Amino acid sequence: MFRTCIVSTLITLATAPALLAQSPIADVVCAPRAEMVHKLSHQFGERMAGMGVRSPESVMEVWQSDRSGRWTLVMNYADGNSCIVAMGEGWETLPGDPPA
């Protein structure tokens, strides 16, 4: 039993880098803002759908793709860097106010 757990753990650890490399954002977790905007718009086909001030030092943006339905939540910092903090699928832009 112990040996099976060790083998399973080693296989998982050995394949983890390959799984990360397959992620579309594996190489773009944090980057200068200009690089982040270029990758999101040109490589992933996303556009900025909205933004809001989180603090005096950070602004949050939601990027999304109508074609793929993917979305990305990006936090921009006063030092000029941007970081992807979440991403997902199934984005829908809703018209008007949400139902009560």
Protein backbone atom coordinates (compact mmCIF):
# COMPACT_ATOMS: atom_id res chain seq x y z
CA MET A 1 0.00 0.00 0.00
CA PHE A 2 2.76 2.43 0.97
CA ARG A 3 4.67 1.60 -2.21
CA THR A 4 1.55 2.24 -4.34
CA CYS A 5 1.13 5.68 -2.74
CA ILE A 6 4.76 6.58 -3.42
CA VAL A 7 4.56 5.45 -7.05
CA SER A 8 1.31 7.36 -7.53
CA THR A 9 2.82 10.50 -6.02
CA LEU A 10 5.93 10.24 -8.19
CA ILE A 11 3.83 9.84 -11.34
CA THR A 12 1.73 12.87 -10.40
CA LEU A 13 4.82 14.99 -9.70
CA ALA A 14 6.48 13.87 -12.92
CA THR A 15 3.48 14.83 -15.04
CA ALA A 16 2.65 18.11 -13.25
CA PRO A 17 5.03 20.26 -15.37
CA ALA A 18 3.49 18.83 -18.55
CA LEU A 19 0.01 19.68 -17.30
CA LEU A 20 1.06 23.22 -16.44
CA ALA A 21 2.71 23.65 -19.83
CA GLN A 22 -0.59 22.84 -21.51
CA SER A 23 -2.38 25.69 -19.74
CA PRO A 24 -2.93 28.68 -22.05
CA ILE A 25 -1.72 31.05 -19.33
CA ALA A 26 1.12 28.96 -17.88
CA ASP A 27 3.65 31.50 -19.13
CA VAL A 28 1.54 34.61 -18.37
CA VAL A 29 0.61 34.62 -14.71
CA CYS A 30 2.20 38.05 -14.12
CA ALA A 31 3.70 40.36 -16.71
CA PRO A 32 4.10 44.03 -17.52
CA ARG A 33 0.70 45.49 -18.43
CA ALA A 34 1.52 46.00 -22.14
CA GLU A 35 2.57 42.36 -22.48
CA MET A 36 -0.55 41.15 -20.64
CA VAL A 37 -2.85 43.23 -22.88
CA HIS A 38 -1.10 41.94 -26.00
CA LYS A 39 -1.40 38.28 -24.95
CA LEU A 40 -5.03 38.57 -23.88
CA SER A 41 -6.14 40.40 -27.01
CA HIS A 42 -3.95 38.85 -29.71
CA GLN A 43 -3.23 35.34 -28.44
CA PHE A 44 -6.49 34.60 -26.61
CA GLY A 45 -8.87 36.82 -28.59
CA GLU A 46 -10.24 38.51 -25.48
CA ARG A 47 -11.31 42.11 -24.96
CA MET A 48 -11.78 44.10 -21.80
CA ALA A 49 -15.40 43.79 -20.63
CA GLY A 50 -15.17 45.89 -17.47
CA MET A 51 -12.95 47.31 -14.80
CA GLY A 52 -13.03 48.68 -11.28
CA VAL A 53 -10.74 50.26 -8.70
CA ARG A 54 -9.83 47.85 -5.93
CA SER A 55 -7.51 50.17 -4.01
CA PRO A 56 -5.33 53.21 -4.70
CA GLU A 57 -2.64 50.77 -5.91
CA SER A 58 -4.70 48.27 -7.94
CA VAL A 59 -7.35 48.06 -10.62
CA MET A 60 -9.27 44.89 -11.50
CA GLU A 61 -10.23 44.09 -15.11
CA VAL A 62 -12.44 41.38 -16.60
CA TRP A 63 -11.42 40.28 -20.08
CA GLN A 64 -13.67 38.01 -22.11
CA SER A 65 -14.12 36.41 -25.51
CA ASP A 66 -17.54 36.32 -27.17
CA ARG A 67 -16.28 33.63 -29.53
CA SER A 68 -14.95 31.14 -26.98
CA GLY A 69 -16.89 32.21 -23.87
CA ARG A 70 -13.64 32.34 -21.88
CA TRP A 71 -12.98 35.06 -19.31
CA THR A 72 -9.92 36.25 -17.40
CA LEU A 73 -9.74 38.33 -14.22
CA VAL A 74 -6.63 40.53 -14.21
CA MET A 75 -5.32 42.67 -11.36
CA ASN A 76 -3.21 45.68 -12.41
CA TYR A 77 -0.80 47.19 -9.92
CA ALA A 78 0.68 50.68 -9.60
CA ASP A 79 4.15 49.31 -10.34
CA GLY A 80 3.04 48.53 -13.94
CA ASN A 81 2.61 44.78 -13.51
CA SER A 82 -0.56 42.82 -14.18
CA CYS A 83 -1.43 39.40 -12.79
CA ILE A 84 -4.06 36.87 -13.82
CA VAL A 85 -5.93 35.98 -10.64
CA ALA A 86 -8.73 33.83 -12.12
CA MET A 87 -10.01 32.49 -15.41
CA GLY A 88 -12.87 30.37 -16.59
CA GLU A 89 -15.41 29.56 -19.27
CA GLY A 90 -19.06 30.27 -19.97
CA TRP A 91 -18.95 34.07 -19.82
CA GLU A 92 -22.27 35.71 -20.69
CA THR A 93 -22.82 39.44 -21.07
CA LEU A 94 -26.25 40.22 -19.69
CA PRO A 95 -28.32 43.09 -21.07
CA GLY A 96 -29.52 45.69 -18.59
CA ASP A 97 -30.11 45.15 -14.90
CA PRO A 98 -30.22 41.63 -13.44
CA PRO A 99 -33.67 40.25 -12.65
CA ALA A 100 -34.95 41.04 -9.15
